[in-house]
Amino acid sequence: NMEESVEWYRKNLGFEVVKEDGYVPPLKAKIVFIEKDGYQIELF
């Protein structure tokens, strides 16, 4: 679950959303990038 995951990483590790690609048809997935101190995690 994207919303739950973004909130978990924000609340527990201090990550913030830096880019929301939304639904990406070639992958058939929603994609959001979160970042802390220059390090990014791409959530699918």
PDB file of all heavy atoms in Angstrom:
ATOM      1  N   ASN A   1       0.853  -1.188   0.000  1.00  0.00           N
ATOM      2  CA  ASN A   1       0.000   0.000   0.000  1.00  0.00           C
ATOM      3  C   ASN A   1       0.889   1.237   0.000  1.00  0.00           C
ATOM      4  O   ASN A   1       1.650   1.451   0.956  1.00  0.00           O
ATOM      5  CB  ASN A   1      -0.912  -0.023   1.239  1.00  0.00           C
ATOM      6  CG  ASN A   1      -1.817   1.190   1.311  1.00  0.00           C
ATOM      7  OD1 ASN A   1      -1.363   2.296   1.580  1.00  0.00           O
ATOM      8  ND2 ASN A   1      -3.093   0.958   1.075  1.00  0.00           N
ATOM      9  N   MET A   2       0.798   2.049  -1.057  1.00  0.00           N
ATOM     10  CA  MET A   2       1.690   3.200  -1.217  1.00  0.00           C
ATOM     11  C   MET A   2       1.526   4.222  -0.097  1.00  0.00           C
ATOM     12  O   MET A   2       2.512   4.668   0.490  1.00  0.00           O
ATOM     13  CB  MET A   2       1.455   3.861  -2.580  1.00  0.00           C
ATOM     14  CG  MET A   2       2.437   4.976  -2.884  1.00  0.00           C
ATOM     15  SD  MET A   2       4.153   4.394  -3.026  1.00  0.00           S
ATOM     16  CE  MET A   2       4.091   3.572  -4.617  1.00  0.00           C
ATOM     17  N   GLU A   3       0.303   4.608   0.202  1.00  0.00           N
ATOM     18  CA  GLU A   3       0.083   5.652   1.197  1.00  0.00           C
ATOM     19  C   GLU A   3       0.591   5.213   2.574  1.00  0.00           C
ATOM     20  O   GLU A   3       1.252   5.980   3.276  1.00  0.00           O
ATOM     21  CB  GLU A   3      -1.403   6.035   1.259  1.00  0.00           C
ATOM     22  CG  GLU A   3      -1.908   6.750   0.026  1.00  0.00           C
ATOM     23  CD  GLU A   3      -2.094   5.849  -1.204  1.00  0.00           C
ATOM     24  OE1 GLU A   3      -2.279   4.609  -1.054  1.00  0.00           O
ATOM     25  OE2 GLU A   3      -2.026   6.380  -2.331  1.00  0.00           O
ATOM     26  N   GLU A   4       0.282   3.990   2.957  1.00  0.00           N
ATOM     27  CA  GLU A   4       0.740   3.459   4.237  1.00  0.00           C
ATOM     28  C   GLU A   4       2.266   3.398   4.273  1.00  0.00           C
ATOM     29  O   GLU A   4       2.890   3.739   5.287  1.00  0.00           O
ATOM     30  CB  GLU A   4       0.152   2.069   4.451  1.00  0.00           C
ATOM     31  CG  GLU A   4       0.524   1.426   5.759  1.00  0.00           C
ATOM     32  CD  GLU A   4      -0.062   0.026   5.905  1.00  0.00           C
ATOM     33  OE1 GLU A   4      -1.173  -0.238   5.394  1.00  0.00           O
ATOM     34  OE2 GLU A   4       0.611  -0.811   6.532  1.00  0.00           O
ATOM     35  N   SER A   5       2.878   2.990   3.178  1.00  0.00           N
ATOM     36  CA  SER A   5       4.333   2.860   3.125  1.00  0.00           C
ATOM     37  C   SER A   5       5.022   4.217   3.178  1.00  0.00           C
ATOM     38  O   SER A   5       6.008   4.398   3.912  1.00  0.00           O
ATOM     39  CB  SER A   5       4.741   2.103   1.862  1.00  0.00           C
ATOM     40  OG  SER A   5       4.196   0.803   1.895  1.00  0.00           O
ATOM     41  N   VAL A   6       4.524   5.180   2.423  1.00  0.00           N
ATOM     42  CA  VAL A   6       5.103   6.533   2.453  1.00  0.00           C
ATOM     43  C   VAL A   6       5.035   7.079   3.873  1.00  0.00           C
ATOM     44  O   VAL A   6       6.009   7.644   4.384  1.00  0.00           O
ATOM     45  CB  VAL A   6       4.375   7.465   1.448  1.00  0.00           C
ATOM     46  CG1 VAL A   6       4.724   8.918   1.708  1.00  0.00           C
ATOM     47  CG2 VAL A   6       4.739   7.078   0.014  1.00  0.00           C
ATOM     48  N   GLU A   7       3.903   6.899   4.536  1.00  0.00           N
ATOM     49  CA  GLU A   7       3.749   7.384   5.909  1.00  0.00           C
ATOM     50  C   GLU A   7       4.693   6.654   6.859  1.00  0.00           C
ATOM     51  O   GLU A   7       5.297   7.264   7.748  1.00  0.00           O
ATOM     52  CB  GLU A   7       2.298   7.231   6.370  1.00  0.00           C
ATOM     53  CG  GLU A   7       2.057   7.637   7.809  1.00  0.00           C
ATOM     54  CD  GLU A   7       2.434   9.072   8.167  1.00  0.00           C
ATOM     55  OE1 GLU A   7       2.601   9.919   7.255  1.00  0.00           O
ATOM     56  OE2 GLU A   7       2.579   9.356   9.365  1.00  0.00           O
ATOM     57  N   TRP A   8       4.867   5.341   6.693  1.00  0.00           N
ATOM     58  CA  TRP A   8       5.766   4.583   7.554  1.00  0.00           C
ATOM     59  C   TRP A   8       7.196   5.105   7.420  1.00  0.00           C
ATOM     60  O   TRP A   8       7.872   5.334   8.435  1.00  0.00           O
ATOM     61  CB  TRP A   8       5.730   3.091   7.208  1.00  0.00           C
ATOM     62  CG  TRP A   8       6.423   2.232   8.216  1.00  0.00           C
ATOM     63  CD1 TRP A   8       5.849   1.593   9.273  1.00  0.00           C
ATOM     64  CD2 TRP A   8       7.831   1.941   8.284  1.00  0.00           C
ATOM     65  NE1 TRP A   8       6.815   0.917   9.991  1.00  0.00           N
ATOM     66  CE2 TRP A   8       8.032   1.112   9.407  1.00  0.00           C
ATOM     67  CE3 TRP A   8       8.925   2.290   7.507  1.00  0.00           C
ATOM     68  CZ2 TRP A   8       9.291   0.638   9.767  1.00  0.00           C
ATOM     69  CZ3 TRP A   8      10.188   1.820   7.866  1.00  0.00           C
ATOM     70  CH2 TRP A   8      10.361   1.008   8.986  1.00  0.00           C
ATOM     71  N   TYR A   9       7.669   5.296   6.199  1.00  0.00           N
ATOM     72  CA  TYR A   9       9.044   5.770   5.978  1.00  0.00           C
ATOM     73  C   TYR A   9       9.215   7.215   6.441  1.00  0.00           C
ATOM     74  O   TYR A   9      10.287   7.603   6.907  1.00  0.00           O
ATOM     75  CB  TYR A   9       9.454   5.587   4.512  1.00  0.00           C
ATOM     76  CG  TYR A   9       9.868   4.167   4.216  1.00  0.00           C
ATOM     77  CD1 TYR A   9       8.926   3.206   3.839  1.00  0.00           C
ATOM     78  CD2 TYR A   9      11.191   3.759   4.340  1.00  0.00           C
ATOM     79  CE1 TYR A   9       9.291   1.888   3.595  1.00  0.00           C
ATOM     80  CE2 TYR A   9      11.570   2.444   4.093  1.00  0.00           C
ATOM     81  CZ  TYR A   9      10.619   1.514   3.729  1.00  0.00           C
ATOM     82  OH  TYR A   9      10.985   0.212   3.499  1.00  0.00           O
ATOM     83  N   ARG A  10       8.178   8.017   6.348  1.00  0.00           N
ATOM     84  CA  ARG A  10       8.238   9.406   6.853  1.00  0.00           C
ATOM     85  C   ARG A  10       8.319   9.400   8.373  1.00  0.00           C
ATOM     86  O   ARG A  10       9.210   9.992   8.968  1.00  0.00           O
ATOM     87  CB  ARG A  10       7.011  10.196   6.390  1.00  0.00           C
ATOM     88  CG  ARG A  10       7.076  11.689   6.801  1.00  0.00           C
ATOM     89  CD  ARG A  10       5.707  12.346   6.814  1.00  0.00           C
ATOM     90  NE  ARG A  10       4.799  11.742   7.771  1.00  0.00           N
ATOM     91  CZ  ARG A  10       4.868  11.886   9.101  1.00  0.00           C
ATOM     92  NH1 ARG A  10       5.827  12.589   9.650  1.00  0.00           N
ATOM     93  NH2 ARG A  10       3.976  11.301   9.895  1.00  0.00           N
ATOM     94  N   LYS A  11       7.390   8.710   9.011  1.00  0.00           N
ATOM     95  CA  LYS A  11       7.272   8.714  10.471  1.00  0.00           C
ATOM     96  C   LYS A  11       8.460   8.059  11.166  1.00  0.00           C
ATOM     97  O   LYS A  11       8.933   8.548  12.192  1.00  0.00           O
ATOM     98  CB  LYS A  11       5.986   7.984  10.872  1.00  0.00           C
ATOM     99  CG  LYS A  11       5.737   7.905  12.354  1.00  0.00           C
ATOM    100  CD  LYS A  11       4.425   7.182  12.605  1.00  0.00           C
ATOM    101  CE  LYS A  11       4.128   7.048  14.086  1.00  0.00           C
ATOM    102  NZ  LYS A  11       2.858   6.332  14.315  1.00  0.00           N
ATOM    103  N   ASN A  12       8.953   6.963  10.624  1.00  0.00           N
ATOM    104  CA  ASN A  12       9.988   6.188  11.308  1.00  0.00           C
ATOM    105  C   ASN A  12      11.411   6.484  10.865  1.00  0.00           C
ATOM    106  O   ASN A  12      12.348   6.277  11.639  1.00  0.00           O
ATOM    107  CB  ASN A  12       9.696   4.698  11.157  1.00  0.00           C
ATOM    108  CG  ASN A  12       8.439   4.318  11.893  1.00  0.00           C
ATOM    109  OD1 ASN A  12       8.383   4.403  13.109  1.00  0.00           O
ATOM    110  ND2 ASN A  12       7.408   3.933  11.160  1.00  0.00           N
ATOM    111  N   LEU A  13      11.591   6.947   9.619  1.00  0.00           N
ATOM    112  CA  LEU A  13      12.951   7.168   9.116  1.00  0.00           C
ATOM    113  C   LEU A  13      13.191   8.579   8.593  1.00  0.00           C
ATOM    114  O   LEU A  13      14.309   8.897   8.200  1.00  0.00           O
ATOM    115  CB  LEU A  13      13.276   6.147   8.017  1.00  0.00           C
ATOM    116  CG  LEU A  13      13.160   4.671   8.404  1.00  0.00           C
ATOM    117  CD1 LEU A  13      13.572   3.789   7.240  1.00  0.00           C
ATOM    118  CD2 LEU A  13      13.971   4.354   9.636  1.00  0.00           C
ATOM    119  N   GLY A  14      12.159   9.408   8.547  1.00  0.00           N
ATOM    120  CA  GLY A  14      12.346  10.796   8.126  1.00  0.00           C
ATOM    121  C   GLY A  14      12.400  11.021   6.624  1.00  0.00           C
ATOM    122  O   GLY A  14      12.846  12.075   6.173  1.00  0.00           O
ATOM    123  N   PHE A  15      11.954  10.059   5.818  1.00  0.00           N
ATOM    124  CA  PHE A  15      11.929  10.231   4.368  1.00  0.00           C
ATOM    125  C   PHE A  15      10.757  11.119   3.965  1.00  0.00           C
ATOM    126  O   PHE A  15       9.707  11.093   4.608  1.00  0.00           O
ATOM    127  CB  PHE A  15      11.791   8.875   3.656  1.00  0.00           C
ATOM    128  CG  PHE A  15      13.086   8.135   3.519  1.00  0.00           C
ATOM    129  CD1 PHE A  15      13.586   7.385   4.574  1.00  0.00           C
ATOM    130  CD2 PHE A  15      13.813   8.184   2.333  1.00  0.00           C
ATOM    131  CE1 PHE A  15      14.780   6.690   4.457  1.00  0.00           C
ATOM    132  CE2 PHE A  15      15.003   7.496   2.207  1.00  0.00           C
ATOM    133  CZ  PHE A  15      15.484   6.755   3.264  1.00  0.00           C
ATOM    134  N   GLU A  16      10.933  11.882   2.893  1.00  0.00           N
ATOM    135  CA  GLU A  16       9.883  12.733   2.340  1.00  0.00           C
ATOM    136  C   GLU A  16       9.714  12.423   0.853  1.00  0.00           C
ATOM    137  O   GLU A  16      10.685  12.071   0.172  1.00  0.00           O
ATOM    138  CB  GLU A  16      10.218  14.216   2.516  1.00  0.00           C
ATOM    139  CG  GLU A  16      10.313  14.655   3.977  1.00  0.00           C
ATOM    140  CD  GLU A  16       8.999  14.564   4.740  1.00  0.00           C
ATOM    141  OE1 GLU A  16       7.919  14.627   4.101  1.00  0.00           O
ATOM    142  OE2 GLU A  16       9.041  14.418   5.985  1.00  0.00           O
ATOM    143  N   VAL A  17       8.512  12.583   0.367  1.00  0.00           N
ATOM    144  CA  VAL A  17       8.237  12.359  -1.055  1.00  0.00           C
ATOM    145  C   VAL A  17       8.926  13.448  -1.870  1.00  0.00           C
ATOM    146  O   VAL A  17       8.808  14.639  -1.569  1.00  0.00           O
ATOM    147  CB  VAL A  17       6.711  12.382  -1.333  1.00  0.00           C
ATOM    148  CG1 VAL A  17       6.432  12.345  -2.830  1.00  0.00           C
ATOM    149  CG2 VAL A  17       6.028  11.213  -0.632  1.00  0.00           C
ATOM    150  N   VAL A  18       9.663  13.035  -2.912  1.00  0.00           N
ATOM    151  CA  VAL A  18      10.327  13.998  -3.798  1.00  0.00           C
ATOM    152  C   VAL A  18       9.801  13.910  -5.230  1.00  0.00           C
ATOM    153  O   VAL A  18       9.984  14.832  -6.020  1.00  0.00           O
ATOM    154  CB  VAL A  18      11.866  13.850  -3.793  1.00  0.00           C
ATOM    155  CG1 VAL A  18      12.435  14.262  -2.440  1.00  0.00           C
ATOM    156  CG2 VAL A  18      12.309  12.448  -4.168  1.00  0.00           C
ATOM    157  N   LYS A  19       9.140  12.786  -5.565  1.00  0.00           N
ATOM    158  CA  LYS A  19       8.623  12.631  -6.917  1.00  0.00           C
ATOM    159  C   LYS A  19       7.527  11.574  -6.911  1.00  0.00           C
ATOM    160  O   LYS A  19       7.706  10.495  -6.351  1.00  0.00           O
ATOM    161  CB  LYS A  19       9.741  12.205  -7.870  1.00  0.00           C
ATOM    162  CG  LYS A  19       9.333  12.101  -9.324  1.00  0.00           C
ATOM    163  CD  LYS A  19      10.531  11.684 -10.174  1.00  0.00           C
ATOM    164  CE  LYS A  19      10.113  11.444 -11.604  1.00  0.00           C
ATOM    165  NZ  LYS A  19      11.119  10.734 -12.364  1.00  0.00           N
ATOM    166  N   GLU A  20       6.405  11.914  -7.515  1.00  0.00           N
ATOM    167  CA  GLU A  20       5.302  10.960  -7.660  1.00  0.00           C
ATOM    168  C   GLU A  20       5.050  10.748  -9.142  1.00  0.00           C
ATOM    169  O   GLU A  20       4.587  11.645  -9.826  1.00  0.00           O
ATOM    170  CB  GLU A  20       4.041  11.488  -6.982  1.00  0.00           C
ATOM    171  CG  GLU A  20       4.173  11.591  -5.481  1.00  0.00           C
ATOM    172  CD  GLU A  20       2.868  11.966  -4.792  1.00  0.00           C
ATOM    173  OE1 GLU A  20       1.858  11.280  -5.033  1.00  0.00           O
ATOM    174  OE2 GLU A  20       2.886  12.936  -4.032  1.00  0.00           O
ATOM    175  N   ASP A  21       5.380   9.560  -9.616  1.00  0.00           N
ATOM    176  CA  ASP A  21       5.158   9.247 -11.026  1.00  0.00           C
ATOM    177  C   ASP A  21       3.733   8.791 -11.280  1.00  0.00           C
ATOM    178  O   ASP A  21       3.314   8.702 -12.431  1.00  0.00           O
ATOM    179  CB  ASP A  21       6.123   8.147 -11.491  1.00  0.00           C
ATOM    180  CG  ASP A  21       7.560   8.638 -11.603  1.00  0.00           C
ATOM    181  OD1 ASP A  21       7.765   9.868 -11.635  1.00  0.00           O
ATOM    182  OD2 ASP A  21       8.466   7.799 -11.659  1.00  0.00           O
ATOM    183  N   GLY A  22       2.987   8.480 -10.204  1.00  0.00           N
ATOM    184  CA  GLY A  22       1.638   7.964 -10.374  1.00  0.00           C
ATOM    185  C   GLY A  22       1.681   6.579 -11.006  1.00  0.00           C
ATOM    186  O   GLY A  22       2.656   5.843 -10.855  1.00  0.00           O
ATOM    187  N   TYR A  23       0.632   6.247 -11.729  1.00  0.00           N
ATOM    188  CA  TYR A  23       0.560   4.942 -12.389  1.00  0.00           C
ATOM    189  C   TYR A  23       1.408   4.965 -13.653  1.00  0.00           C
ATOM    190  O   TYR A  23       1.268   5.838 -14.496  1.00  0.00           O
ATOM    191  CB  TYR A  23      -0.888   4.604 -12.732  1.00  0.00           C
ATOM    192  CG  TYR A  23      -1.041   3.236 -13.344  1.00  0.00           C
ATOM    193  CD1 TYR A  23      -0.995   2.094 -12.556  1.00  0.00           C
ATOM    194  CD2 TYR A  23      -1.210   3.077 -14.710  1.00  0.00           C
ATOM    195  CE1 TYR A  23      -1.123   0.827 -13.113  1.00  0.00           C
ATOM    196  CE2 TYR A  23      -1.341   1.815 -15.284  1.00  0.00           C
ATOM    197  CZ  TYR A  23      -1.302   0.700 -14.475  1.00  0.00           C
ATOM    198  OH  TYR A  23      -1.423  -0.551 -15.032  1.00  0.00           O
ATOM    199  N   VAL A  24       2.305   3.992 -13.769  1.00  0.00           N
ATOM    200  CA  VAL A  24       3.211   3.898 -14.912  1.00  0.00           C
ATOM    201  C   VAL A  24       2.785   2.678 -15.733  1.00  0.00           C
ATOM    202  O   VAL A  24       3.064   1.531 -15.349  1.00  0.00           O
ATOM    203  CB  VAL A  24       4.678   3.780 -14.444  1.00  0.00           C
ATOM    204  CG1 VAL A  24       5.611   3.651 -15.641  1.00  0.00           C
ATOM    205  CG2 VAL A  24       5.062   4.965 -13.571  1.00  0.00           C
ATOM    206  N   PRO A  25       2.088   2.900 -16.865  1.00  0.00           N
ATOM    207  CA  PRO A  25       1.539   1.786 -17.648  1.00  0.00           C
ATOM    208  C   PRO A  25       2.518   0.680 -18.028  1.00  0.00           C
ATOM    209  O   PRO A  25       2.178  -0.498 -17.882  1.00  0.00           O
ATOM    210  CB  PRO A  25       0.954   2.479 -18.886  1.00  0.00           C
ATOM    211  CG  PRO A  25       0.599   3.841 -18.394  1.00  0.00           C
ATOM    212  CD  PRO A  25       1.692   4.193 -17.408  1.00  0.00           C
ATOM    213  N   PRO A  26       3.756   0.990 -18.478  1.00  0.00           N
ATOM    214  CA  PRO A  26       4.647  -0.127 -18.858  1.00  0.00           C
ATOM    215  C   PRO A  26       4.939  -1.080 -17.694  1.00  0.00           C
ATOM    216  O   PRO A  26       5.156  -2.269 -17.899  1.00  0.00           O
ATOM    217  CB  PRO A  26       5.922   0.563 -19.331  1.00  0.00           C
ATOM    218  CG  PRO A  26       5.523   1.940 -19.688  1.00  0.00           C
ATOM    219  CD  PRO A  26       4.375   2.285 -18.779  1.00  0.00           C
ATOM    220  N   LEU A  27       4.942  -0.557 -16.472  1.00  0.00           N
ATOM    221  CA  LEU A  27       5.206  -1.390 -15.301  1.00  0.00           C
ATOM    222  C   LEU A  27       3.925  -1.880 -14.634  1.00  0.00           C
ATOM    223  O   LEU A  27       3.965  -2.770 -13.789  1.00  0.00           O
ATOM    224  CB  LEU A  27       6.037  -0.620 -14.275  1.00  0.00           C
ATOM    225  CG  LEU A  27       7.426  -0.201 -14.721  1.00  0.00           C
ATOM    226  CD1 LEU A  27       8.126   0.591 -13.631  1.00  0.00           C
ATOM    227  CD2 LEU A  27       8.256  -1.416 -15.094  1.00  0.00           C
ATOM    228  N   LYS A  28       2.817  -1.246 -14.972  1.00  0.00           N
ATOM    229  CA  LYS A  28       1.522  -1.557 -14.342  1.00  0.00           C
ATOM    230  C   LYS A  28       1.600  -1.386 -12.834  1.00  0.00           C
ATOM    231  O   LYS A  28       1.110  -2.210 -12.059  1.00  0.00           O
ATOM    232  CB  LYS A  28       1.056  -2.957 -14.720  1.00  0.00           C
ATOM    233  CG  LYS A  28       0.832  -3.129 -16.207  1.00  0.00           C
ATOM    234  CD  LYS A  28       0.372  -4.505 -16.551  1.00  0.00           C
ATOM    235  CE  LYS A  28       0.213  -4.584 -18.065  1.00  0.00           C
ATOM    236  NZ  LYS A  28       0.128  -5.921 -18.579  1.00  0.00           N
ATOM    237  N   ALA A  29       2.242  -0.277 -12.415  1.00  0.00           N
ATOM    238  CA  ALA A  29       2.441  -0.005 -10.991  1.00  0.00           C
ATOM    239  C   ALA A  29       2.428   1.492 -10.728  1.00  0.00           C
ATOM    240  O   ALA A  29       2.750   2.289 -11.605  1.00  0.00           O
ATOM    241  CB  ALA A  29       3.771  -0.582 -10.525  1.00  0.00           C
ATOM    242  N   LYS A  30       2.077   1.851  -9.491  1.00  0.00           N
ATOM    243  CA  LYS A  30       2.245   3.229  -9.016  1.00  0.00           C
ATOM    244  C   LYS A  30       3.675   3.351  -8.511  1.00  0.00           C
ATOM    245  O   LYS A  30       4.204   2.417  -7.888  1.00  0.00           O
ATOM    246  CB  LYS A  30       1.291   3.539  -7.864  1.00  0.00           C
ATOM    247  CG  LYS A  30      -0.127   3.747  -8.267  1.00  0.00           C
ATOM    248  CD  LYS A  30      -0.918   4.431  -7.155  1.00  0.00           C
ATOM    249  CE  LYS A  30      -1.384   3.428  -6.137  1.00  0.00           C
ATOM    250  NZ  LYS A  30      -2.265   4.016  -5.106  1.00  0.00           N
ATOM    251  N   ILE A  31       4.296   4.509  -8.763  1.00  0.00           N
ATOM    252  CA  ILE A  31       5.681   4.725  -8.335  1.00  0.00           C
ATOM    253  C   ILE A  31       5.800   6.065  -7.613  1.00  0.00           C
ATOM    254  O   ILE A  31       5.301   7.082  -8.093  1.00  0.00           O
ATOM    255  CB  ILE A  31       6.650   4.692  -9.529  1.00  0.00           C
ATOM    256  CG1 ILE A  31       6.613   3.305 -10.191  1.00  0.00           C
ATOM    257  CG2 ILE A  31       8.070   5.046  -9.087  1.00  0.00           C
ATOM    258  CD1 ILE A  31       7.456   3.193 -11.432  1.00  0.00           C
ATOM    259  N   VAL A  32       6.478   6.031  -6.462  1.00  0.00           N
ATOM    260  CA  VAL A  32       6.772   7.235  -5.689  1.00  0.00           C
ATOM    261  C   VAL A  32       8.229   7.152  -5.236  1.00  0.00           C
ATOM    262  O   VAL A  32       8.682   6.099  -4.790  1.00  0.00           O
ATOM    263  CB  VAL A  32       5.842   7.360  -4.455  1.00  0.00           C
ATOM    264  CG1 VAL A  32       6.291   8.482  -3.536  1.00  0.00           C
ATOM    265  CG2 VAL A  32       4.394   7.565  -4.878  1.00  0.00           C
ATOM    266  N   PHE A  33       8.952   8.269  -5.357  1.00  0.00           N
ATOM    267  CA  PHE A  33      10.311   8.366  -4.844  1.00  0.00           C
ATOM    268  C   PHE A  33      10.283   9.126  -3.524  1.00  0.00           C
ATOM    269  O   PHE A  33       9.679  10.197  -3.442  1.00  0.00           O
ATOM    270  CB  PHE A  33      11.228   9.109  -5.830  1.00  0.00           C
ATOM    271  CG  PHE A  33      11.628   8.301  -7.021  1.00  0.00           C
ATOM    272  CD1 PHE A  33      10.801   8.220  -8.137  1.00  0.00           C
ATOM    273  CD2 PHE A  33      12.836   7.629  -7.041  1.00  0.00           C
ATOM    274  CE1 PHE A  33      11.170   7.478  -9.248  1.00  0.00           C
ATOM    275  CE2 PHE A  33      13.220   6.885  -8.147  1.00  0.00           C
ATOM    276  CZ  PHE A  33      12.385   6.812  -9.254  1.00  0.00           C
ATOM    277  N   ILE A  34      10.950   8.563  -2.515  1.00  0.00           N
ATOM    278  CA  ILE A  34      11.107   9.241  -1.236  1.00  0.00           C
ATOM    279  C   ILE A  34      12.600   9.457  -1.003  1.00  0.00           C
ATOM    280  O   ILE A  34      13.438   8.733  -1.552  1.00  0.00           O
ATOM    281  CB  ILE A  34      10.456   8.443  -0.085  1.00  0.00           C
ATOM    282  CG1 ILE A  34      11.008   7.017  -0.008  1.00  0.00           C
ATOM    283  CG2 ILE A  34       8.930   8.425  -0.256  1.00  0.00           C
ATOM    284  CD1 ILE A  34      10.479   6.195   1.155  1.00  0.00           C
ATOM    285  N   GLU A  35      12.940  10.469  -0.186  1.00  0.00           N
ATOM    286  CA  GLU A  35      14.351  10.821  -0.017  1.00  0.00           C
ATOM    287  C   GLU A  35      14.636  11.291   1.401  1.00  0.00           C
ATOM    288  O   GLU A  35      13.808  11.939   2.031  1.00  0.00           O
ATOM    289  CB  GLU A  35      14.724  11.926  -0.998  1.00  0.00           C
ATOM    290  CG  GLU A  35      16.176  12.337  -0.955  1.00  0.00           C
ATOM    291  CD  GLU A  35      16.530  13.359  -2.012  1.00  0.00           C
ATOM    292  OE1 GLU A  35      16.154  13.168  -3.185  1.00  0.00           O
ATOM    293  OE2 GLU A  35      17.181  14.353  -1.658  1.00  0.00           O
ATOM    294  N   LYS A  36      15.848  10.959   1.849  1.00  0.00           N
ATOM    295  CA  LYS A  36      16.394  11.483   3.107  1.00  0.00           C
ATOM    296  C   LYS A  36      17.891  11.656   2.912  1.00  0.00           C
ATOM    297  O   LYS A  36      18.578  10.720   2.484  1.00  0.00           O
ATOM    298  CB  LYS A  36      16.125  10.526   4.264  1.00  0.00           C
ATOM    299  CG  LYS A  36      16.723  11.022   5.593  1.00  0.00           C
ATOM    300  CD  LYS A  36      16.490  10.017   6.699  1.00  0.00           C
ATOM    301  CE  LYS A  36      17.275  10.382   7.926  1.00  0.00           C
ATOM    302  NZ  LYS A  36      16.656  11.380   8.750  1.00  0.00           N
ATOM    303  N   ASP A  37      18.375  12.835   3.206  1.00  0.00           N
ATOM    304  CA  ASP A  37      19.815  13.130   3.132  1.00  0.00           C
ATOM    305  C   ASP A  37      20.428  12.736   1.789  1.00  0.00           C
ATOM    306  O   ASP A  37      21.543  12.194   1.736  1.00  0.00           O
ATOM    307  CB  ASP A  37      20.568  12.437   4.272  1.00  0.00           C
ATOM    308  CG  ASP A  37      20.111  12.903   5.653  1.00  0.00           C
ATOM    309  OD1 ASP A  37      19.670  14.069   5.768  1.00  0.00           O
ATOM    310  OD2 ASP A  37      20.186  12.108   6.606  1.00  0.00           O
ATOM    311  N   GLY A  38      19.708  12.977   0.704  1.00  0.00           N
ATOM    312  CA  GLY A  38      20.229  12.697  -0.631  1.00  0.00           C
ATOM    313  C   GLY A  38      20.089  11.259  -1.086  1.00  0.00           C
ATOM    314  O   GLY A  38      20.441  10.927  -2.211  1.00  0.00           O
ATOM    315  N   TYR A  39      19.598  10.384  -0.219  1.00  0.00           N
ATOM    316  CA  TYR A  39      19.408   8.972  -0.574  1.00  0.00           C
ATOM    317  C   TYR A  39      17.936   8.738  -0.895  1.00  0.00           C
ATOM    318  O   TYR A  39      17.064   9.116  -0.109  1.00  0.00           O
ATOM    319  CB  TYR A  39      19.854   8.070   0.572  1.00  0.00           C
ATOM    320  CG  TYR A  39      19.543   6.617   0.335  1.00  0.00           C
ATOM    321  CD1 TYR A  39      20.193   5.907  -0.667  1.00  0.00           C
ATOM    322  CD2 TYR A  39      18.579   5.964   1.073  1.00  0.00           C
ATOM    323  CE1 TYR A  39      19.896   4.577  -0.911  1.00  0.00           C
ATOM    324  CE2 TYR A  39      18.278   4.634   0.845  1.00  0.00           C
ATOM    325  CZ  TYR A  39      18.938   3.951  -0.153  1.00  0.00           C
ATOM    326  OH  TYR A  39      18.644   2.642  -0.399  1.00  0.00           O
ATOM    327  N   GLN A  40      17.667   8.127  -2.039  1.00  0.00           N
ATOM    328  CA  GLN A  40      16.289   7.907  -2.467  1.00  0.00           C
ATOM    329  C   GLN A  40      15.909   6.426  -2.456  1.00  0.00           C
ATOM    330  O   GLN A  40      16.733   5.559  -2.719  1.00  0.00           O
ATOM    331  CB  GLN A  40      16.064   8.448  -3.880  1.00  0.00           C
ATOM    332  CG  GLN A  40      16.128   9.953  -3.958  1.00  0.00           C
ATOM    333  CD  GLN A  40      15.724  10.477  -5.323  1.00  0.00           C
ATOM    334  OE1 GLN A  40      15.442   9.728  -6.250  1.00  0.00           O
ATOM    335  NE2 GLN A  40      15.703  11.787  -5.454  1.00  0.00           N
ATOM    336  N   ILE A  41      14.631   6.203  -2.146  1.00  0.00           N
ATOM    337  CA  ILE A  41      14.018   4.889  -2.276  1.00  0.00           C
ATOM    338  C   ILE A  41      12.866   5.041  -3.251  1.00  0.00           C
ATOM    339  O   ILE A  41      12.077   5.983  -3.139  1.00  0.00           O
ATOM    340  CB  ILE A  41      13.514   4.346  -0.923  1.00  0.00           C
ATOM    341  CG1 ILE A  41      14.690   4.128   0.040  1.00  0.00           C
ATOM    342  CG2 ILE A  41      12.720   3.061  -1.123  1.00  0.00           C
ATOM    343  CD1 ILE A  41      14.281   3.694   1.437  1.00  0.00           C
ATOM    344  N   GLU A  42      12.813   4.130  -4.222  1.00  0.00           N
ATOM    345  CA  GLU A  42      11.720   4.110  -5.190  1.00  0.00           C
ATOM    346  C   GLU A  42      10.721   3.047  -4.732  1.00  0.00           C
ATOM    347  O   GLU A  42      11.061   1.871  -4.639  1.00  0.00           O
ATOM    348  CB  GLU A  42      12.266   3.769  -6.582  1.00  0.00           C
ATOM    349  CG  GLU A  42      11.220   3.737  -7.659  1.00  0.00           C
ATOM    350  CD  GLU A  42      11.813   3.375  -9.010  1.00  0.00           C
ATOM    351  OE1 GLU A  42      12.940   2.812  -9.060  1.00  0.00           O
ATOM    352  OE2 GLU A  42      11.157   3.644 -10.026  1.00  0.00           O
ATOM    353  N   LEU A  43       9.513   3.485  -4.413  1.00  0.00           N
ATOM    354  CA  LEU A  43       8.471   2.573  -3.957  1.00  0.00           C
ATOM    355  C   LEU A  43       7.572   2.206  -5.129  1.00  0.00           C
ATOM    356  O   LEU A  43       7.160   3.087  -5.901  1.00  0.00           O
ATOM    357  CB  LEU A  43       7.632   3.220  -2.853  1.00  0.00           C
ATOM    358  CG  LEU A  43       8.391   3.649  -1.593  1.00  0.00           C
ATOM    359  CD1 LEU A  43       7.444   4.376  -0.642  1.00  0.00           C
ATOM    360  CD2 LEU A  43       9.040   2.456  -0.915  1.00  0.00           C
ATOM    361  N   PHE A  44       7.268   0.919  -5.264  1.00  0.00           N
ATOM    362  CA  PHE A  44       6.380   0.393  -6.309  1.00  0.00           C
ATOM    363  C   PHE A  44       5.154  -0.214  -5.653  1.00  0.00           C
ATOM    364  O   PHE A  44       5.299  -1.006  -4.718  1.00  0.00           O
ATOM    365  CB  PHE A  44       7.056  -0.746  -7.090  1.00  0.00           C
ATOM    366  CG  PHE A  44       8.288  -0.370  -7.825  1.00  0.00           C
ATOM    367  CD1 PHE A  44       9.528  -0.387  -7.199  1.00  0.00           C
ATOM    368  CD2 PHE A  44       8.231  -0.015  -9.167  1.00  0.00           C
ATOM    369  CE1 PHE A  44      10.683  -0.062  -7.889  1.00  0.00           C
ATOM    370  CE2 PHE A  44       9.382   0.301  -9.865  1.00  0.00           C
ATOM    371  CZ  PHE A  44      10.601   0.287  -9.218  1.00  0.00           C
TER     372      PHE A  44
END
